[in-house]
Amino acid sequence: MSDFRFELKKNDNWICQPWLIWTLLAIMTLSANQRVCANQATGEPRETKAVRLVIDYGDGVEKHFTRLTVTGQVTCLELMQQAKKHKRGISFKHQGKGATALLLEIDGVKNEGNGKNWVFRINDQLGDRSFGIATVKAGDTLKWSFETLSEFGK
């Protein structure tokens, strides 16, 4: 068996040792800000990141959630439910589920029918289906705006 001794001498520049540099780089790489979750069905890793949610009340006030974490894709309804659980979350009401889910109000601001109503956009694209089946993924922005029918196309 060989004897291994590690000694630091007064003039040794141990901070510049290659093994130390590589070890620190490995630790920093492993602790990067992206988290990886295992997909239980396949065992494959899936990246977990944030989706941005913006609520525009149509009166100059907006509420921004910048770190709602998702794995893969989630429906807009699921994202809203996550925002509802946040410490400074939102309240909202809807009816139906899946393809028939309809948002009725956010934070007490109700759809008006012929006036202003809640409309959503994903990455500035007007929603073309129910928020119960429309999906968002990491890096997307879901924006709800309280606006009139004439403003929908803007």
Protein backbone atom coordinates (compact mmCIF):
# COMPACT_ATOMS: atom_id res chain seq x y z
CA MET A 1 0.00 0.00 0.00
CA SER A 2 1.37 3.41 -0.90
CA ASP A 3 1.58 6.26 1.52
CA PHE A 4 -0.26 9.42 0.49
CA ARG A 5 0.49 12.65 2.26
CA PHE A 6 -0.79 16.09 1.49
CA GLU A 7 1.13 18.99 2.95
CA LEU A 8 0.69 22.69 2.47
CA LYS A 9 3.83 24.68 2.73
CA LYS A 10 3.86 28.36 3.50
CA ASN A 11 4.69 29.38 -0.07
CA ASP A 12 2.44 26.83 -1.82
CA ASN A 13 -0.15 28.40 -4.09
CA TRP A 14 -2.82 25.75 -3.35
CA ILE A 15 -5.70 27.86 -4.63
CA CYS A 16 -4.43 27.45 -8.21
CA GLN A 17 -4.19 23.68 -8.09
CA PRO A 18 -5.97 22.14 -11.12
CA TRP A 19 -7.88 19.60 -9.02
CA LEU A 20 -9.37 22.40 -6.92
CA ILE A 21 -10.38 24.44 -9.95
CA TRP A 22 -12.06 21.42 -11.60
CA THR A 23 -13.85 20.51 -8.37
CA LEU A 24 -15.21 24.05 -7.97
CA LEU A 25 -16.33 24.13 -11.61
CA ALA A 26 -18.13 20.81 -11.18
CA ILE A 27 -19.94 22.06 -8.07
CA MET A 28 -21.01 25.27 -9.81
CA THR A 29 -22.23 23.35 -12.86
CA LEU A 30 -24.26 20.93 -10.76
CA SER A 31 -25.86 23.72 -8.77
CA ALA A 32 -26.94 25.77 -11.78
CA ASN A 33 -30.31 27.47 -11.55
CA GLN A 34 -32.10 24.90 -13.73
CA ARG A 35 -33.70 22.04 -11.88
CA VAL A 36 -34.23 18.66 -13.48
CA CYS A 37 -37.14 16.44 -12.55
CA ALA A 38 -37.55 12.81 -13.48
CA ASN A 39 -40.46 11.94 -15.71
CA GLN A 40 -41.96 9.10 -13.69
CA ALA A 41 -43.44 7.41 -16.73
CA THR A 42 -40.22 7.15 -18.73
CA GLY A 43 -37.51 7.96 -16.21
CA GLU A 44 -36.17 10.64 -18.56
CA PRO A 45 -35.14 13.96 -17.04
CA ARG A 46 -37.31 16.96 -17.85
CA GLU A 47 -36.28 20.55 -17.42
CA THR A 48 -38.24 22.66 -14.96
CA LYS A 49 -38.47 26.41 -15.56
CA ALA A 50 -40.76 29.34 -15.08
CA VAL A 51 -43.75 30.65 -16.99
CA ARG A 52 -44.66 34.32 -16.69
CA LEU A 53 -48.29 35.23 -15.87
CA VAL A 54 -49.51 38.80 -16.34
CA ILE A 55 -52.94 40.02 -15.27
CA ASP A 56 -53.88 43.35 -16.94
CA TYR A 57 -56.96 44.79 -15.22
CA GLY A 58 -57.52 47.32 -18.03
CA ASP A 59 -57.22 50.31 -15.69
CA GLY A 60 -53.46 50.81 -15.69
CA VAL A 61 -52.83 48.14 -13.05
CA GLU A 62 -51.08 44.86 -13.83
CA LYS A 63 -50.06 41.96 -11.61
CA HIS A 64 -46.98 39.98 -12.67
CA PHE A 65 -45.98 36.48 -11.60
CA THR A 66 -42.47 35.90 -12.92
CA ARG A 67 -41.59 32.55 -11.40
CA LEU A 68 -44.47 30.11 -11.75
CA THR A 69 -42.64 26.83 -12.18
CA VAL A 70 -43.79 24.22 -14.68
CA THR A 71 -42.53 20.85 -15.84
CA GLY A 72 -43.31 20.16 -19.47
CA GLN A 73 -46.63 21.67 -20.52
CA VAL A 74 -49.53 22.72 -18.28
CA THR A 75 -52.91 24.17 -19.15
CA CYS A 76 -53.60 27.84 -18.58
CA LEU A 77 -56.17 26.78 -15.98
CA GLU A 78 -53.53 24.80 -14.08
CA LEU A 79 -51.19 27.81 -14.18
CA MET A 80 -53.97 30.05 -12.82
CA GLN A 81 -54.55 27.57 -10.00
CA GLN A 82 -50.84 27.72 -9.18
CA ALA A 83 -50.99 31.54 -9.08
CA LYS A 84 -54.03 31.29 -6.80
CA LYS A 85 -51.93 29.37 -4.25
CA HIS A 86 -49.15 31.98 -4.28
CA LYS A 87 -48.65 34.03 -1.10
CA ARG A 88 -49.83 37.16 -2.95
CA GLY A 89 -51.93 35.24 -5.43
CA ILE A 90 -55.09 35.89 -7.36
CA SER A 91 -58.66 34.78 -6.97
CA PHE A 92 -60.62 33.69 -9.98
CA LYS A 93 -63.85 31.97 -10.89
CA HIS A 94 -64.59 29.81 -13.89
CA GLN A 95 -67.23 27.40 -15.08
CA GLY A 96 -66.84 24.16 -16.97
CA LYS A 97 -63.70 22.11 -17.45
CA GLY A 98 -61.39 21.09 -20.25
CA ALA A 99 -62.59 22.39 -23.63
CA THR A 100 -65.63 24.06 -22.02
CA ALA A 101 -63.79 25.96 -19.25
CA LEU A 102 -64.69 29.66 -19.29
CA LEU A 103 -63.07 32.28 -17.06
CA LEU A 104 -65.72 34.41 -15.34
CA GLU A 105 -63.68 36.78 -13.17
CA ILE A 106 -60.26 37.56 -11.72
CA ASP A 107 -59.87 39.28 -8.34
CA GLY A 108 -63.53 40.30 -8.35
CA VAL A 109 -63.39 41.84 -11.85
CA LYS A 110 -66.20 40.08 -13.74
CA ASN A 111 -66.82 39.61 -17.47
CA GLU A 112 -69.35 42.17 -18.68
CA GLY A 113 -70.65 40.33 -21.74
CA ASN A 114 -71.19 43.25 -24.17
CA GLY A 115 -68.52 45.40 -22.47
CA LYS A 116 -65.13 44.32 -21.23
CA ASN A 117 -64.23 40.66 -20.82
CA TRP A 118 -61.19 38.60 -19.84
CA VAL A 119 -59.14 37.59 -22.88
CA PHE A 120 -55.90 35.62 -22.82
CA ARG A 121 -52.83 35.59 -25.02
CA ILE A 122 -49.90 33.19 -24.99
CA ASN A 123 -46.73 34.89 -26.19
CA ASP A 124 -48.85 37.72 -27.67
CA GLN A 125 -51.01 35.24 -29.66
CA LEU A 126 -54.74 35.57 -28.97
CA GLY A 127 -56.12 32.40 -27.38
CA ASP A 128 -58.05 30.30 -29.89
CA ARG A 129 -59.45 27.68 -27.48
CA SER A 130 -60.57 27.30 -23.90
CA PHE A 131 -58.02 28.13 -21.22
CA GLY A 132 -58.86 24.69 -19.84
CA ILE A 133 -57.01 23.03 -22.74
CA ALA A 134 -54.66 25.76 -24.03
CA THR A 135 -51.15 24.98 -22.80
CA VAL A 136 -48.03 26.88 -21.81
CA LYS A 137 -44.48 25.69 -21.28
CA ALA A 138 -41.27 27.02 -19.77
CA GLY A 139 -40.35 30.43 -21.16
CA ASP A 140 -43.92 31.30 -22.24
CA THR A 141 -45.93 34.32 -21.11
CA LEU A 142 -49.63 33.97 -20.38
CA LYS A 143 -51.35 37.35 -20.29
CA TRP A 144 -54.95 37.95 -19.24
CA SER A 145 -56.36 41.34 -20.28
CA PHE A 146 -59.69 42.88 -19.33
CA GLU A 147 -60.70 44.52 -22.60
CA THR A 148 -63.52 45.21 -25.04
CA LEU A 149 -64.22 43.22 -28.17
CA SER A 150 -62.72 45.98 -30.35
CA GLU A 151 -59.40 45.61 -28.49
CA PHE A 152 -59.12 41.82 -28.98
CA GLY A 153 -57.10 41.98 -32.20
CA LYS A 154 -54.52 44.40 -30.80
